[in-house]
C-alpha cells in the first residue's frame, strides 16, 4: 500500500513538514539520510546543516539561544511524538513519472507514495582545505547571518571569501559586528552587481585582498572551563595568485561566500530546476513543483534566504499543500 506522504530530508523544513503532516493524520514517512562517511564528508548527515552549527541565536522561542544539533533533535522528537516514522537511509533515486511515485533507498527497499516532499537542503561550498575543515564551527563558517553576531566575532577582524553578491551581502552584514573585514577574492574586481559591489567597497571597514586565495587556516587550541581542549582559529595564510607570495591575516573568523549546491542530483532531471540546480516553485508563495503531488521546501528550493526559520515555514506550507492535494484527489 502506498504511503500518503513521504519526506526526503532531515533539517527544519523536513521536521516541520512531518509535524504538520502527522497532525493531519497523513502518517508521514521521513527519509533522514544514512549515517555514512560519504555523507559526513559532504555535510549531508542526518539533521541537516544545523547539525554542523553550534549556537543558534535567531530562531524564535529560544531567547538564550540553542545549539543547532539540539534544535534539530528536539524537532525530530516532536515529529516522532505525533507518529512520524523515520528511516535512516539515503534515497538513491525516485521515479516521479509514474503514480504512485516510487522511491528506492540505500538499503535496497522500494517504497510507493502518493505525495513527495523534497527537503534535502543545499550544501554550502567550501574551499576543500584540511585546515578549513578542522576549524569549521571554531572560526570557519558559511553563514554570516547564522553566526556573525556571536561574541567570538564581535569587534574582531574577519575574513570573507568570495566576489559575488553573496560575498558582498555577507561582508556588509558582518561589518556591523567586526572591527575589519578582509574581502579575499581571486580576481581584481568583484563579480557582484554594481550596486552591491559599490556598497561593500565604500564601507570603511572593508579591505579588499585582490588576486588572492586562502592557502591555509591557522589557529591554536583553547581549554574550556570544563577542561575540554578545542581548536580556535586565529588567522589565515593568503596566497597572491600573480606573485605567488604568501602573507598572514590575523582574524577571528573566516566566512565562505562562494555559493551553495542544492542536493538535487538524485532527481536526475525529473523536476524543473533553475540554472544553479535549485528546484523551481510554480508559485513563489506555495511549494508546488513542476510535477503535481511533488512539493519542495527549505534551502533546496530557496536560493535567496537559506535560513532555518524560512525553511521551517516552507515545511509547514508543504505539509498543508500535500494535505490539500490529497483531499482533492479523494485520498484520505
Protein backbone atom coordinates (compact mmCIF):
# COMPACT_ATOMS: atom_id res chain seq x y z
CA UNK A 1 0.00 0.00 0.00
CA UNK A 2 1.36 3.39 -0.97
CA UNK A 3 2.36 5.96 1.64
CA UNK A 4 0.33 9.14 1.78
CA UNK A 5 3.29 11.45 2.47
CA UNK A 6 6.98 10.71 2.10
CA UNK A 7 9.52 13.40 3.06
CA UNK A 8 13.15 13.36 1.99
CA UNK A 9 15.42 15.39 4.28
CA UNK A 10 16.12 15.99 7.94
CA UNK A 11 16.51 19.73 8.51
CA UNK A 12 13.97 22.25 9.79
CA UNK A 13 11.88 22.02 6.61
CA UNK A 14 11.59 18.23 6.80
CA UNK A 15 10.75 18.01 10.50
CA UNK A 16 8.24 20.87 10.39
CA UNK A 17 6.58 19.23 7.41
CA UNK A 18 6.48 15.94 9.32
CA UNK A 19 4.95 17.57 12.40
CA UNK A 20 2.15 19.19 10.40
CA UNK A 21 1.68 16.09 8.26
CA UNK A 22 1.43 13.81 11.28
CA UNK A 23 -1.07 16.07 13.00
CA UNK A 24 -3.14 15.98 9.79
CA UNK A 25 -3.16 12.16 10.04
CA UNK A 26 -1.05 11.66 6.91
CA UNK A 27 1.26 9.17 8.72
CA UNK A 28 4.41 10.73 7.20
CA UNK A 29 7.49 8.69 6.46
CA UNK A 30 10.78 10.64 6.66
CA UNK A 31 13.99 9.57 4.97
CA UNK A 32 16.55 11.42 7.09
CA UNK A 33 19.67 10.11 5.33
CA UNK A 34 22.25 7.48 6.18
CA UNK A 35 24.99 7.82 8.76
CA UNK A 36 27.96 7.24 6.48
CA UNK A 37 31.47 8.56 5.93
CA UNK A 38 30.50 9.89 2.50
CA UNK A 39 27.63 11.90 3.98
CA UNK A 40 29.89 13.19 6.73
CA UNK A 41 32.50 14.41 4.26
CA UNK A 42 29.87 16.19 2.18
CA UNK A 43 27.95 17.67 5.13
CA UNK A 44 24.84 15.57 4.49
CA UNK A 45 24.47 13.64 7.73
CA UNK A 46 21.00 13.41 9.35
CA UNK A 47 19.67 16.61 10.99
CA UNK A 48 20.87 18.84 8.16
CA UNK A 49 23.20 21.84 8.14
CA UNK A 50 22.10 22.92 11.63
CA UNK A 51 23.70 19.76 12.99
CA UNK A 52 27.02 21.34 11.93
CA UNK A 53 26.24 24.62 13.69
CA UNK A 54 26.99 25.49 17.29
CA UNK A 55 24.90 28.38 18.66
CA UNK A 56 21.61 29.29 17.02
CA UNK A 57 20.50 32.67 18.36
CA UNK A 58 17.94 33.78 15.78
CA UNK A 59 15.33 31.01 15.97
CA UNK A 60 12.18 32.32 17.74
CA UNK A 61 11.34 30.82 21.10
CA UNK A 62 14.90 30.41 22.37
CA UNK A 63 15.91 33.76 23.89
CA UNK A 64 19.09 32.29 25.35
CA UNK A 65 19.96 30.57 22.08
CA UNK A 66 20.13 26.85 21.40
CA UNK A 67 22.70 24.50 19.91
CA UNK A 68 21.97 23.55 16.32
CA UNK A 69 22.06 19.77 16.92
CA UNK A 70 19.75 20.15 19.94
CA UNK A 71 17.24 22.20 17.96
CA UNK A 72 17.12 19.57 15.23
CA UNK A 73 16.95 16.63 17.62
CA UNK A 74 14.07 18.24 19.51
CA UNK A 75 12.30 18.90 16.19
CA UNK A 76 12.80 15.26 15.25
CA UNK A 77 11.45 14.07 18.60
CA UNK A 78 8.41 16.29 18.20
CA UNK A 79 7.68 14.79 14.77
CA UNK A 80 8.08 11.25 16.10
CA UNK A 81 5.81 12.05 19.06
CA UNK A 82 2.93 12.67 16.65
CA UNK A 83 3.50 9.44 14.73
CA UNK A 84 6.15 10.20 12.13
CA UNK A 85 8.17 7.17 11.05
CA UNK A 86 11.85 7.71 10.31
CA UNK A 87 14.16 5.74 8.02
CA UNK A 88 17.90 6.36 8.44
CA UNK A 89 18.85 5.60 4.84
CA UNK A 90 19.64 7.64 1.75
CA UNK A 91 17.19 7.96 -1.11
CA UNK A 92 19.18 6.86 -4.14
CA UNK A 93 16.59 7.55 -6.81
CA UNK A 94 12.97 8.47 -7.35
CA UNK A 95 10.56 7.82 -10.20
CA UNK A 96 8.01 10.62 -10.35
CA UNK A 97 6.92 9.86 -13.90
CA UNK A 98 4.57 7.16 -12.63
CA UNK A 99 1.93 7.15 -9.91
CA UNK A 100 2.17 6.35 -7.11
CA UNK A 101 5.72 7.73 -7.06
CA UNK A 102 8.50 5.21 -6.45
CA UNK A 103 11.41 5.78 -4.08
CA UNK A 104 14.44 3.47 -3.85
CA UNK A 105 16.74 3.67 -0.82
CA UNK A 106 20.26 2.64 0.13
CA UNK A 107 19.00 -0.45 1.94
CA UNK A 108 17.51 -1.80 -1.28
CA UNK A 109 13.92 -1.03 -0.30
CA UNK A 110 11.34 0.28 -2.77
CA UNK A 111 8.55 2.47 -1.42
CA UNK A 112 5.50 3.87 -3.19
CA UNK A 113 4.00 7.19 -2.14
CA UNK A 114 1.07 9.39 -3.17
CA UNK A 115 2.86 12.65 -2.38
CA UNK A 116 6.53 13.50 -2.06
CA UNK A 117 8.14 16.43 -0.25
CA UNK A 118 11.75 17.15 -1.15
CA UNK A 119 13.53 18.95 1.69
CA UNK A 120 17.10 17.83 1.03
CA UNK A 121 18.65 21.27 1.53
CA UNK A 122 21.68 22.81 -0.10
CA UNK A 123 25.27 22.24 0.94
CA UNK A 124 27.47 25.30 1.39
CA UNK A 125 30.50 25.31 -0.86
CA UNK A 126 33.87 25.22 0.89
CA UNK A 127 37.42 25.58 -0.38
CA UNK A 128 38.31 21.99 0.42
CA UNK A 129 41.26 22.73 2.73
CA UNK A 130 42.03 20.28 5.52
CA UNK A 131 42.66 23.19 7.89
CA UNK A 132 39.35 24.77 6.88
CA UNK A 133 37.50 21.62 7.89
CA UNK A 134 39.44 21.42 11.16
CA UNK A 135 38.36 24.91 12.24
CA UNK A 136 34.77 24.61 10.98
CA UNK A 137 32.45 25.94 13.72
CA UNK A 138 35.56 27.13 15.56
CA UNK A 139 36.03 30.25 13.46
CA UNK A 140 35.15 28.98 9.99
CA UNK A 141 31.54 29.45 8.89
CA UNK A 142 29.48 29.59 5.70
CA UNK A 143 26.60 31.64 7.13
CA UNK A 144 27.13 35.22 8.28
CA UNK A 145 23.50 35.67 9.34
CA UNK A 146 23.67 32.48 11.41
CA UNK A 147 26.98 33.13 13.15
CA UNK A 148 28.14 36.71 12.57
CA UNK A 149 26.67 38.16 15.76
CA UNK A 150 28.27 35.56 18.03
CA UNK A 151 30.50 37.01 20.78
CA UNK A 152 33.66 35.40 19.34
CA UNK A 153 33.37 37.56 16.20
CA UNK A 154 32.33 40.91 17.72
CA UNK A 155 34.87 43.72 17.38
CA UNK A 156 37.31 41.32 15.75
CA UNK A 157 38.85 41.28 12.26
CA UNK A 158 37.11 38.79 9.95
CA UNK A 159 37.80 37.31 6.52
CA UNK A 160 35.14 36.95 3.83
CA UNK A 161 35.94 34.76 0.83
CA UNK A 162 34.16 35.39 -2.47
CA UNK A 163 33.41 38.05 -5.03
CA UNK A 164 29.73 37.74 -5.93
CA UNK A 165 26.55 39.19 -4.48
CA UNK A 166 26.62 36.69 -1.61
CA UNK A 167 30.10 37.81 -0.57
CA UNK A 168 29.08 41.46 -0.81
CA UNK A 169 25.95 40.86 1.25
CA UNK A 170 27.73 38.78 3.88
CA UNK A 171 30.62 41.23 4.14
CA UNK A 172 28.26 44.19 4.53
CA UNK A 173 26.29 42.33 7.19
CA UNK A 174 29.41 41.30 9.11
CA UNK A 175 30.73 44.87 9.10
CA UNK A 176 28.07 45.68 11.69
CA UNK A 177 29.91 43.48 14.19
CA UNK A 178 33.54 43.18 13.04
CA UNK A 179 36.37 45.65 13.55
CA UNK A 180 37.57 44.99 9.98
CA UNK A 181 36.59 42.86 7.01
CA UNK A 182 39.24 41.39 4.70
CA UNK A 183 37.48 40.54 1.44
CA UNK A 184 39.56 37.88 -0.31
CA UNK A 185 38.81 37.40 -4.00
CA UNK A 186 40.74 35.54 -6.68
CA UNK A 187 40.24 38.30 -9.27
CA UNK A 188 40.96 42.04 -9.29
CA UNK A 189 37.29 43.08 -9.41
CA UNK A 190 34.08 41.80 -7.83
CA UNK A 191 31.54 39.76 -9.78
CA UNK A 192 28.77 41.25 -7.65
CA UNK A 193 26.15 43.54 -9.15
CA UNK A 194 27.38 47.16 -9.40
CA UNK A 195 25.23 48.42 -6.54
CA UNK A 196 26.28 45.59 -4.21
CA UNK A 197 29.95 45.95 -5.17
CA UNK A 198 29.89 49.69 -4.61
CA UNK A 199 28.19 49.31 -1.24
CA UNK A 200 30.78 46.95 0.19
CA UNK A 201 33.84 48.63 -1.34
CA UNK A 202 32.75 52.00 0.04
CA UNK A 203 32.43 50.53 3.52
CA UNK A 204 35.31 51.93 5.58
CA UNK A 205 35.75 48.62 7.43
CA UNK A 206 36.28 46.60 4.27
CA UNK A 207 39.78 45.93 2.93
CA UNK A 208 39.85 44.06 -0.42
CA UNK A 209 42.57 41.46 -0.93
CA UNK A 210 42.64 41.07 -4.72
CA UNK A 211 44.02 38.23 -6.86
CA UNK A 212 44.32 36.01 -3.82
CA UNK A 213 43.15 32.74 -2.35
CA UNK A 214 43.21 31.21 1.11
CA UNK A 215 46.20 28.90 1.41
CA UNK A 216 45.59 27.73 4.98
CA UNK A 217 43.53 28.47 8.07
CA UNK A 218 45.69 28.78 11.17
CA UNK A 219 44.92 28.78 14.86
CA UNK A 220 45.55 27.43 18.32
CA UNK A 221 43.87 25.35 20.99
CA UNK A 222 41.96 26.71 23.96
CA UNK A 223 40.86 24.91 27.10
CA UNK A 224 37.27 25.43 28.26
CA UNK A 225 36.19 25.80 31.88
CA UNK A 226 35.24 22.14 31.78
CA UNK A 227 38.70 21.11 30.69
CA UNK A 228 37.81 20.43 27.05
CA UNK A 229 40.53 21.32 24.53
CA UNK A 230 39.08 22.96 21.40
CA UNK A 231 40.54 24.39 18.18
CA UNK A 232 40.36 28.16 17.81
CA UNK A 233 41.02 29.98 14.53
CA UNK A 234 43.34 32.98 14.77
CA UNK A 235 44.00 33.84 11.13
CA UNK A 236 44.62 32.75 7.55
CA UNK A 237 47.53 32.43 5.18
CA UNK A 238 46.77 34.12 1.86
CA UNK A 239 48.46 33.41 -1.46
CA UNK A 240 48.68 36.05 -4.18
CA UNK A 241 47.89 34.33 -7.47
CA UNK A 242 50.04 36.68 -9.55
CA UNK A 243 53.22 36.83 -7.49
CA UNK A 244 52.91 33.55 -5.62
CA UNK A 245 53.77 35.36 -2.37
CA UNK A 246 52.00 34.43 0.86
CA UNK A 247 51.01 36.66 3.74
CA UNK A 248 49.24 36.28 7.08
CA UNK A 249 45.96 37.94 8.06
CA UNK A 250 45.04 37.90 11.71
CA UNK A 251 41.32 37.17 12.03
CA UNK A 252 38.89 35.59 14.48
CA UNK A 253 36.78 34.11 11.72
CA UNK A 254 36.53 33.21 8.06
CA UNK A 255 33.19 33.28 6.26
CA UNK A 256 32.82 31.42 2.98
CA UNK A 257 30.50 33.08 0.48
CA UNK A 258 31.16 31.04 -2.63
CA UNK A 259 27.69 29.65 -3.14
CA UNK A 260 25.61 26.61 -2.25
CA UNK A 261 25.00 23.38 -4.13
CA UNK A 262 21.38 22.13 -3.86
CA UNK A 263 21.09 18.43 -3.05
CA UNK A 264 19.07 17.56 -6.15
CA UNK A 265 21.34 15.18 -8.08
CA UNK A 266 19.18 12.16 -7.18
CA UNK A 267 16.23 13.69 -9.09
CA UNK A 268 18.05 13.12 -12.39
CA UNK A 269 16.27 15.90 -14.24
CA UNK A 270 12.70 14.83 -13.43
CA UNK A 271 11.82 18.21 -11.86
CA UNK A 272 12.32 21.69 -13.22
CA UNK A 273 15.46 23.25 -11.73
CA UNK A 274 16.97 26.69 -12.16
CA UNK A 275 20.42 27.33 -13.60
CA UNK A 276 22.05 26.69 -10.21
CA UNK A 277 20.18 23.46 -9.50
CA UNK A 278 17.53 24.78 -7.11
CA UNK A 279 14.00 23.38 -7.50
CA UNK A 280 11.70 25.86 -9.26
CA UNK A 281 8.38 26.51 -7.49
CA UNK A 282 5.34 27.09 -9.72
CA UNK A 283 4.03 29.68 -7.26
CA UNK A 284 6.54 31.55 -5.06
CA UNK A 285 4.01 31.60 -2.21
CA UNK A 286 3.43 27.84 -2.28
CA UNK A 287 5.58 24.70 -2.52
CA UNK A 288 4.25 23.21 -5.75
CA UNK A 289 6.84 21.94 -8.23
CA UNK A 290 6.64 21.13 -11.93
CA UNK A 291 5.14 17.72 -11.09
CA UNK A 292 1.74 17.51 -9.38
CA UNK A 293 1.97 15.83 -5.99
CA UNK A 294 5.65 16.67 -5.57
CA UNK A 295 6.45 19.55 -3.23
CA UNK A 296 9.69 21.22 -2.22
CA UNK A 297 10.62 23.01 1.00
CA UNK A 298 13.66 24.65 2.54
CA UNK A 299 17.03 25.51 1.05
CA UNK A 300 16.64 23.07 -1.85
CA UNK A 301 14.07 25.49 -3.30
CA UNK A 302 15.33 28.72 -1.73
CA UNK A 303 18.40 30.34 -3.29
CA UNK A 304 17.62 33.65 -1.56
CA UNK A 305 17.14 33.36 2.21
CA UNK A 306 18.55 29.98 3.32
CA UNK A 307 17.57 30.40 6.99
CA UNK A 308 16.28 27.83 9.46
CA UNK A 309 13.11 29.79 10.15
CA UNK A 310 12.24 30.25 6.47
CA UNK A 311 12.89 26.55 5.87
CA UNK A 312 10.57 25.63 8.74
CA UNK A 313 7.87 27.89 7.31
CA UNK A 314 8.18 26.23 3.93
CA UNK A 315 7.96 22.82 5.60
CA UNK A 316 4.65 23.83 7.15
CA UNK A 317 3.36 25.01 3.75
CA UNK A 318 4.49 21.79 2.06
CA UNK A 319 2.52 19.66 4.51
CA UNK A 320 -0.60 21.78 4.02
CA UNK A 321 -0.17 21.74 0.23
CA UNK A 322 0.22 17.94 0.28
CA UNK A 323 -2.81 17.51 2.52
CA UNK A 324 -4.98 19.65 0.23
CA UNK A 325 -3.70 17.92 -2.90
CA UNK A 326 -4.55 14.51 -1.42
CA UNK A 327 -8.01 15.72 -0.45
CA UNK A 328 -8.60 16.99 -3.98
CA UNK A 329 -7.69 13.53 -5.28
CA UNK A 330 -10.17 11.91 -2.88
CA UNK A 331 -7.39 10.29 -0.83
CA UNK A 332 -7.96 10.45 2.93
